[in-house]
Protein backbone atom coordinates (compact mmCIF):
# COMPACT_ATOMS: atom_id res chain seq x y z
CA MET A 1 111.08 96.91 118.03
CA SER A 2 110.35 94.49 120.87
CA VAL A 3 106.58 94.33 120.30
CA LEU A 4 106.83 93.82 116.53
CA VAL A 5 109.62 91.26 116.88
CA GLU A 6 107.60 89.39 119.50
CA LYS A 7 104.55 89.28 117.23
CA MET A 8 106.64 88.24 114.25
CA ASN A 9 108.34 85.53 116.29
CA VAL A 10 104.99 83.86 116.91
CA LEU A 11 103.89 84.34 113.31
CA ALA A 12 107.16 83.00 111.91
CA GLY A 13 106.70 79.67 113.65
CA HIS A 14 103.15 79.46 112.36
CA PHE A 15 104.24 80.33 108.79
CA ARG A 16 106.92 77.63 108.74
CA GLU A 17 104.66 74.91 110.13
CA GLU A 18 101.82 75.84 107.78
CA ARG A 19 104.09 75.81 104.72
CA LYS A 20 105.65 72.48 105.71
CA ALA A 21 102.24 70.92 106.24
CA LEU A 22 100.89 72.19 102.92
CA SER A 23 103.97 71.05 101.06
CA LYS A 24 103.89 67.60 102.63
CA ALA A 25 100.18 67.07 102.03
CA HIS A 26 99.88 68.63 98.59
CA GLU A 27 103.28 68.42 96.95
CA GLU A 28 101.78 66.81 93.82
CA THR A 29 98.38 68.57 93.90
CA LYS A 30 97.70 70.54 90.73
CA ILE A 31 96.31 74.04 91.28
CA GLY A 32 96.01 75.19 87.68
CA GLU A 33 96.95 74.70 84.07
CA VAL A 34 99.58 76.59 82.12
CA THR A 35 98.96 77.58 78.52
CA ALA A 36 101.55 78.31 75.88
CA GLY A 37 100.13 81.81 75.69
CA GLN A 38 100.95 82.37 79.34
CA VAL A 39 104.48 81.05 78.93
CA LEU A 40 105.07 83.21 75.85
CA GLY A 41 103.35 86.17 77.49
CA GLY A 42 105.73 86.55 80.41
CA MET A 43 104.07 84.04 82.78
CA ARG A 44 100.96 86.23 82.81
CA GLY A 45 98.37 84.88 85.23
CA ILE A 46 100.19 81.68 86.16
CA PRO A 47 99.51 80.85 89.85
CA ALA A 48 103.12 80.38 90.92
CA LEU A 49 103.72 82.55 94.01
CA VAL A 50 102.37 82.89 97.53
CA CYS A 51 101.86 86.48 98.67
CA ASP A 52 100.13 87.01 102.00
CA THR A 53 100.55 90.78 102.22
CA SER A 54 98.11 91.73 99.46
CA SER A 55 96.01 90.44 96.60
CA VAL A 56 94.61 91.88 93.38
CA ASN A 57 91.28 90.68 92.06
CA ALA A 58 90.53 91.53 88.45
CA ASP A 59 86.98 92.54 89.34
CA GLU A 60 87.72 94.42 92.54
CA GLY A 61 91.29 95.65 92.75
CA LEU A 62 93.82 95.78 95.55
CA ARG A 63 93.28 94.37 99.03
CA ILE A 64 95.88 94.74 101.78
CA ARG A 65 95.61 91.72 104.07
CA ASN A 66 92.15 91.14 102.59
CA ILE A 67 91.02 94.71 103.36
CA PRO A 68 89.92 96.78 100.34
CA ILE A 69 92.46 99.54 99.74
CA LEU A 70 89.73 102.20 99.75
CA ASP A 71 89.11 101.33 103.40
CA LEU A 72 92.72 102.15 104.27
CA THR A 73 93.30 105.53 102.61
CA THR A 74 93.15 107.49 105.88
CA LYS A 75 95.63 105.25 107.66
CA LEU A 76 99.21 106.28 108.35
CA PRO A 77 101.90 104.46 106.34
CA GLU A 78 103.27 103.09 109.62
CA GLU A 79 99.93 101.39 110.22
CA ILE A 80 100.04 99.86 106.75
CA PHE A 81 103.56 98.47 107.23
CA TRP A 82 102.50 96.88 110.51
CA LEU A 83 99.40 95.47 108.84
CA LEU A 84 101.43 94.10 105.92
CA LEU A 85 103.77 92.27 108.28
CA THR A 86 101.39 90.97 110.92
CA GLY A 87 97.94 90.94 109.31
CA GLU A 88 96.73 93.01 112.28
CA HIS A 89 95.86 96.66 112.75
CA PRO A 90 98.36 98.14 115.21
CA THR A 91 97.38 99.86 118.43
CA SER A 92 98.26 103.54 118.86
CA ALA A 93 101.19 102.49 121.06
CA GLU A 94 102.46 100.12 118.38
CA VAL A 95 102.17 102.82 115.73
CA GLU A 96 104.15 105.17 117.95
CA GLU A 97 106.82 102.52 118.51
CA LEU A 98 107.23 101.99 114.76
CA ARG A 99 107.23 105.75 114.09
CA ALA A 100 109.97 106.16 116.70
CA GLU A 101 112.00 103.35 115.11
CA PHE A 102 111.82 105.01 111.70
CA ALA A 103 112.84 108.32 113.29
CA ASN A 104 115.75 106.65 115.13
CA HIS A 105 117.16 105.53 111.77
CA ALA A 106 116.50 108.72 109.82
CA ASP A 107 120.15 109.82 109.86
CA ILE A 108 121.76 108.90 106.56
CA PRO A 109 125.51 108.13 106.34
CA ASP A 110 127.57 110.85 104.67
CA TYR A 111 129.03 108.37 102.19
CA VAL A 112 125.57 107.97 100.62
CA PHE A 113 125.49 111.68 99.79
CA ASP A 114 129.10 111.55 98.61
CA VAL A 115 128.14 108.84 96.12
CA LEU A 116 125.09 110.78 94.92
CA LYS A 117 127.09 113.96 94.43
CA ALA A 118 129.76 112.06 92.50
CA MET A 119 127.26 110.73 89.96
CA PRO A 120 126.94 112.46 86.57
CA ALA A 121 124.68 115.50 86.70
CA ASP A 122 122.34 114.02 84.11
CA SER A 123 121.79 110.77 86.04
CA HIS A 124 118.14 109.81 86.24
CA PRO A 125 116.69 110.12 89.77
CA MET A 126 115.84 106.39 89.74
CA THR A 127 119.45 105.52 88.93
CA MET A 128 120.52 107.67 91.87
CA PHE A 129 117.88 106.12 94.11
CA SER A 130 118.79 102.53 93.30
CA THR A 131 122.50 103.30 93.74
CA ALA A 132 121.97 104.99 97.10
CA VAL A 133 120.07 101.97 98.42
CA LEU A 134 122.63 99.50 97.07
CA VAL A 135 125.64 101.30 98.50
CA MET A 136 124.26 100.91 102.03
CA GLY A 137 124.55 97.14 101.78
CA ARG A 138 127.88 97.32 103.61
CA GLU A 139 125.85 97.86 106.80
CA SER A 140 123.53 94.87 106.41
CA LYS A 141 122.80 93.08 109.69
CA PHE A 142 121.40 90.17 107.68
CA ARG A 143 124.61 89.60 105.74
CA LYS A 144 126.74 89.83 108.89
CA GLN A 145 124.61 87.40 110.89
CA TYR A 146 124.29 84.98 107.98
CA ASP A 147 128.07 84.92 107.65
CA GLU A 148 128.27 84.23 111.38
CA GLY A 149 126.08 81.15 110.94
CA LEU A 150 122.61 82.33 111.99
CA GLY A 151 120.09 79.53 111.52
CA LYS A 152 117.57 79.58 108.69
CA ASN A 153 114.60 79.91 111.04
CA ASP A 154 115.95 83.17 112.47
CA LEU A 155 117.04 84.90 109.27
CA TRP A 156 113.87 87.00 109.25
CA LYS A 157 115.05 88.87 112.35
CA PRO A 158 118.05 90.67 110.81
CA MET A 159 116.02 91.02 107.59
CA LEU A 160 113.37 92.90 109.57
CA GLU A 161 116.04 94.99 111.30
CA ASP A 162 117.60 95.91 107.94
CA SER A 163 114.14 96.75 106.59
CA ILE A 164 113.38 99.12 109.47
CA ILE A 165 116.73 100.86 109.00
CA LEU A 166 116.24 101.14 105.24
CA LEU A 167 112.68 102.46 105.53
CA GLY A 168 113.81 104.93 108.19
CA ARG A 169 116.35 106.32 105.72
CA ILE A 170 114.61 105.90 102.38
CA THR A 171 112.40 108.98 102.59
CA GLY A 172 115.39 111.15 103.44
CA ILE A 173 117.39 109.66 100.57
CA ALA A 174 114.57 110.30 98.12
CA ALA A 175 114.12 113.85 99.39
CA ALA A 176 117.87 114.47 99.13
CA ILE A 177 117.86 113.30 95.51
CA TYR A 178 115.00 115.66 94.76
CA ARG A 179 116.80 118.59 96.42
CA LEU A 180 120.05 117.73 94.65
CA LYS A 181 118.50 117.32 91.20
CA PHE A 182 115.81 119.97 91.18
CA ARG A 183 116.55 122.49 93.95
CA ASP A 184 119.69 124.09 95.34
CA GLY A 185 121.10 120.86 96.76
CA SER A 186 120.47 121.78 100.39
CA ARG A 187 118.93 119.06 102.53
CA ILE A 188 116.07 119.55 104.98
CA ALA A 189 116.61 117.76 108.28
CA PRO A 190 113.96 115.30 109.49
CA ASP A 191 111.77 116.19 112.44
CA PRO A 192 111.64 113.28 114.94
CA SER A 193 108.25 114.45 116.19
CA LEU A 194 106.57 113.91 112.83
CA ASP A 195 105.11 110.72 111.41
CA TRP A 196 106.91 109.02 108.51
CA GLY A 197 104.77 110.52 105.73
CA ALA A 198 104.73 114.02 107.20
CA ASN A 199 108.50 113.92 107.57
CA TYR A 200 108.85 112.92 103.93
CA ALA A 201 106.66 115.82 102.84
CA LYS A 202 108.70 118.19 104.99
CA MET A 203 112.08 117.00 103.68
CA LEU A 204 110.96 117.38 100.06
CA GLY A 205 110.43 121.08 100.75
CA VAL A 206 107.80 121.38 98.01
CA SER A 207 104.80 122.76 99.88
CA ASP A 208 103.74 123.73 103.40
CA ASN A 209 100.10 123.04 102.54
CA PRO A 210 98.71 120.45 105.00
CA LYS A 211 96.86 118.92 102.06
CA PHE A 212 100.22 118.09 100.46
CA THR A 213 101.20 116.20 103.59
CA GLU A 214 97.84 114.41 103.48
CA LEU A 215 98.47 113.51 99.84
CA ILE A 216 101.95 112.13 100.58
CA ARG A 217 100.61 109.92 103.36
CA MET A 218 97.88 108.60 101.06
CA TYR A 219 100.38 108.16 98.20
CA LEU A 220 102.57 105.98 100.44
CA VAL A 221 99.56 103.88 101.41
CA LEU A 222 98.09 103.44 97.93
CA HIS A 223 101.37 102.42 96.29
CA SER A 224 102.65 100.29 99.17
CA ASP A 225 101.93 96.83 97.79
CA HIS A 226 100.30 95.13 94.81
CA GLU A 227 100.68 91.36 95.39
CA GLY A 228 103.85 89.45 94.51
CA GLY A 229 103.81 89.02 90.75
CA ASN A 230 104.42 92.57 89.52
CA VAL A 231 107.92 93.33 88.21
CA SER A 232 109.28 95.16 91.26
CA ALA A 233 107.88 92.78 93.88
CA MET A 234 108.83 89.63 92.00
CA THR A 235 112.32 90.98 91.35
CA GLY A 236 112.83 91.89 95.00
CA ASN A 237 111.57 88.50 96.15
CA THR A 238 113.65 86.61 93.58
CA VAL A 239 116.84 88.38 94.60
CA SER A 240 116.06 87.88 98.29
CA SER A 241 115.33 84.18 97.72
CA ALA A 242 119.04 83.75 96.98
CA LEU A 243 119.55 85.05 100.55
CA SER A 244 120.76 88.39 99.31
CA ASP A 245 120.20 91.22 101.82
CA ILE A 246 117.43 93.81 101.69
CA TYR A 247 119.68 96.42 100.05
CA TYR A 248 120.39 94.17 97.07
CA SER A 249 116.73 93.19 96.92
CA ILE A 250 115.20 96.68 97.06
CA SER A 251 117.80 98.13 94.69
CA ALA A 252 116.96 95.41 92.16
CA ALA A 253 113.24 95.96 92.66
CA LEU A 254 113.68 99.69 92.01
CA ASN A 255 115.45 98.90 88.75
CA GLY A 256 112.36 96.97 87.64
CA LEU A 257 110.06 99.74 88.82
CA ALA A 258 111.95 102.22 86.63
CA GLY A 259 110.62 100.65 83.42
CA PRO A 260 107.91 102.42 81.36
CA LEU A 261 105.62 99.37 81.63
CA HIS A 262 105.72 99.57 85.44
CA GLY A 263 106.48 102.50 87.74
CA LEU A 264 107.60 104.91 85.04
CA ALA A 265 104.04 104.90 83.70
CA ASN A 266 102.94 107.63 86.12
CA GLN A 267 105.32 110.15 84.60
CA GLU A 268 104.26 109.12 81.09
CA CYS A 269 100.63 109.75 82.04
CA LEU A 270 101.37 113.28 83.19
CA ALA A 271 103.43 113.92 80.07
CA PHE A 272 100.35 112.92 78.06
CA VAL A 273 98.19 115.35 80.06
CA MET A 274 100.73 118.11 79.51
CA GLU A 275 100.75 117.34 75.78
CA ILE A 276 96.99 117.94 75.73
CA TYR A 277 97.40 121.14 77.72
CA GLU A 278 100.04 122.48 75.33
CA HIS A 279 97.98 121.50 72.29
CA PHE A 280 94.76 123.18 73.45
CA LYS A 281 96.29 125.83 75.75
CA GLY A 282 93.88 124.72 78.43
CA VAL A 283 91.14 122.19 79.06
CA PRO A 284 89.59 121.08 75.74
CA SER A 285 85.93 120.46 75.15
CA ASP A 286 84.73 116.88 75.31
CA GLU A 287 84.41 116.77 71.52
CA ASP A 288 87.92 118.15 70.95
CA LEU A 289 89.35 115.71 73.47
CA LYS A 290 87.53 112.81 71.85
CA LYS A 291 88.99 113.73 68.44
CA PHE A 292 92.46 114.10 69.98
CA ALA A 293 92.16 110.63 71.51
CA TRP A 294 91.01 109.06 68.24
CA ASP A 295 93.86 110.71 66.34
CA ARG A 296 96.29 109.23 68.83
CA LEU A 297 94.77 105.75 68.65
CA ASN A 298 94.64 105.82 64.85
CA SER A 299 98.35 106.66 64.77
CA GLY A 300 99.08 103.41 66.63
CA GLN A 301 99.64 104.94 70.07
CA VAL A 302 97.88 104.08 73.31
CA ILE A 303 96.10 106.27 75.84
CA PRO A 304 98.35 106.35 78.94
CA GLY A 305 96.66 105.68 82.26
CA TYR A 306 93.81 103.54 80.92
CA GLY A 307 93.68 99.76 81.10
CA HIS A 308 95.61 97.44 83.41
CA ALA A 309 97.49 94.15 83.10
CA VAL A 310 95.27 92.50 85.72
CA LEU A 311 92.27 94.70 86.55
CA ARG A 312 89.07 94.71 84.55
CA VAL A 313 87.48 97.48 86.61
CA GLU A 314 88.40 101.01 87.65
CA ASP A 315 91.52 100.88 89.78
CA PRO A 316 90.39 101.75 93.33
CA ARG A 317 93.70 103.57 93.83
CA PHE A 318 92.71 105.87 90.96
CA THR A 319 89.35 106.35 92.66
CA ALA A 320 91.10 107.44 95.86
CA PHE A 321 93.39 109.90 94.06
CA TYR A 322 90.60 111.23 91.87
CA ASN A 323 88.28 111.78 94.84
CA PHE A 324 91.08 113.58 96.68
CA GLY A 325 91.57 115.84 93.68
CA LYS A 326 87.87 116.56 93.29
CA ALA A 327 87.62 117.44 96.99
CA ASN A 328 90.68 119.69 97.09
CA ILE A 329 91.29 121.12 93.60
CA ASP A 330 89.21 123.66 91.70
CA THR A 331 89.37 122.43 88.10
CA THR A 332 88.62 125.95 86.83
CA GLN A 333 91.84 127.10 88.48
CA ASP A 334 93.97 124.03 87.73
CA PRO A 335 93.76 123.00 84.05
CA ILE A 336 96.08 120.02 84.58
CA PHE A 337 93.73 118.25 86.96
CA GLY A 338 90.91 119.63 84.82
CA ILE A 339 92.25 117.61 81.88
CA VAL A 340 92.51 114.50 84.07
CA ASP A 341 88.87 115.03 84.99
CA ALA A 342 87.92 115.48 81.32
CA LEU A 343 89.82 112.36 80.26
CA TYR A 344 87.97 110.35 82.89
CA LYS A 345 84.66 111.37 81.31
CA VAL A 346 85.72 110.83 77.69
CA ILE A 347 88.32 108.08 77.33
CA PRO A 348 86.36 105.01 78.53
CA GLY A 349 83.75 105.70 75.86
CA VAL A 350 86.38 106.11 73.15
CA LEU A 351 88.14 102.87 74.10
CA THR A 352 84.82 101.03 74.29
CA GLU A 353 83.97 102.24 70.81
CA GLN A 354 87.41 101.18 69.52
CA GLY A 355 86.81 97.71 70.93
CA LYS A 356 90.42 96.61 71.41
CA ALA A 357 91.05 97.23 75.11
CA LYS A 358 90.16 94.53 77.66
CA ASN A 359 89.79 97.24 80.30
CA VAL A 360 88.73 100.78 79.39
CA LYS A 361 88.85 102.07 82.98
CA PRO A 362 91.58 104.28 84.44
CA ASN A 363 94.46 102.87 86.48
CA VAL A 364 96.30 104.53 89.35
CA ASP A 365 98.75 106.36 87.08
CA ALA A 366 95.97 108.36 85.40
CA ALA A 367 95.64 110.72 88.38
CA SER A 368 98.60 110.47 90.76
CA GLY A 369 101.03 112.69 88.82
CA SER A 370 98.54 115.52 88.36
CA LEU A 371 98.08 115.78 92.13
CA LEU A 372 101.83 115.99 92.77
CA TYR A 373 102.04 118.61 90.02
CA HIS A 374 99.25 120.65 91.61
CA PHE A 375 101.15 121.03 94.87
CA GLY A 376 104.38 122.06 93.15
CA LEU A 377 106.24 118.80 92.58
CA LYS A 378 106.42 119.29 88.83
CA GLU A 379 109.50 117.29 87.88
CA TYR A 380 108.21 114.18 86.10
CA ASP A 381 111.47 112.28 86.39
CA PHE A 382 111.05 112.17 90.15
CA TYR A 383 107.60 110.58 90.16
CA THR A 384 108.89 107.02 89.97
CA VAL A 385 111.11 107.70 92.98
CA MET A 386 107.94 108.69 94.84
CA PHE A 387 106.45 105.36 93.77
CA GLY A 388 109.61 103.52 94.82
CA VAL A 389 109.62 104.90 98.36
CA SER A 390 106.12 103.55 98.86
CA ARG A 391 106.65 100.20 97.13
CA ALA A 392 109.77 99.53 99.24
CA MET A 393 107.42 99.20 102.21
CA GLY A 394 105.47 96.35 100.64
CA ILE A 395 108.49 94.52 99.26
CA CYS A 396 110.30 94.73 102.60
CA ALA A 397 107.26 93.15 104.24
CA GLN A 398 107.07 90.41 101.59
CA VAL A 399 110.77 89.60 101.94
CA VAL A 400 110.65 89.47 105.74
CA LEU A 401 107.67 87.11 105.59
CA ALA A 402 109.43 84.95 102.99
CA ARG A 403 112.38 84.51 105.32
CA ALA A 404 110.05 83.89 108.28
CA ALA A 405 108.28 81.13 106.33
CA GLY A 406 111.58 79.64 105.21
CA ASN A 407 110.78 80.03 101.51
CA GLY A 408 113.26 78.47 99.12
CA LEU A 409 115.06 79.74 96.06
CA ILE A 410 112.76 81.04 93.31
CA ARG A 411 113.74 79.02 90.26
CA PRO A 412 111.07 78.47 87.57
CA LYS A 413 111.81 76.10 84.71
CA GLY A 414 112.79 77.65 81.40
CA LEU A 415 112.03 76.17 77.98
CA THR A 416 113.76 76.69 74.68
CA THR A 417 111.49 77.52 71.74
CA PRO A 418 112.15 74.08 70.16
CA GLN A 419 111.24 72.40 73.48
CA LEU A 420 108.01 74.39 73.63
CA LYS A 421 107.18 73.49 70.03
CA LYS A 422 107.76 69.83 70.80
CA LEU A 423 105.39 70.02 73.76
CA LEU A 424 102.79 71.63 71.53
CA GLY A 425 103.31 69.21 68.69
CA ALA A 426 104.06 72.16 66.44
């Protein structure tokens, strides 16, 4: 990785000097106010982190290095990882170098598979995934070089090396879990001639359709990063800030991603679509679907896949998935995507009429699962693993940059309820 390391070496010095200068000049400068509602609401919206890899604007959606995500959907995941790290689009030679590095590290140690096979048969795929990542920590270059006394300014180098190794293996680990849980347990060997996303699609063994490979590449791109404050990214960064290695950090991040309010939401959205399919035995009329939605809302339940913690517009990642589906799926032949299409036409109006939701537009989870289902990946429990493979790319980049900038320990101040009441005069 000589070219990437060389680029990062220059950037790392710039990051450190910029951070030092900002801290020295503005240590006491206030950049916002914190309300009790934000504190009680899980720090929602408090400007408390620096994330250079991506940003999320409530009125626009995700940008990777200030580039709208919809402008990046045809890029290879390797290009996105390079962009996340350096802020630059890679040349074709640089993409090939990174692809080759991933391929060089695609072989997974046998002990990882031994651990997976030893786990209870009913283990959730995300439990298996997190465990497989964590168990590889014994090989961490970062931990070894830290113990040998590597200086703070150079810690990003073994962190980057660990990240490349992990990302080279992570698709094969995920595919192996899928094959072990939902197929005959046989593993499909990686092909060193293929790009990272194509290799992942191949190792899953779900479909030979080139459109499936195209979907997997786009899936990896769209889910790669979503600024630093979401549960998985913040968890990974917090663990890494203690100078834990990438295996601890990504394993912890995956545990956060597994929650139903985060990465697990995509499988809940498809379960909702399947519930509609089973109820109507096909795609319902708009009127029937509207009544179904109102019955659900009136019973105190939500409509999965609509609304977002930050966005107040249609999630551009949904737009990308939806457009892919419309271009490649005949809704008269696929009732599952047909229901997704029908929901898109009906639900915003229902939620607007209800008047409770701050955002009535679909988020990324409203469409992603239906596309995987269309191509034969029908096991809902695996969908969050798919998400996790992609998100590992963004968190690895964030963690490497944090070490390059010399970021300190993440340690916000906690308040007891009596202390908060005293501050509020309550």
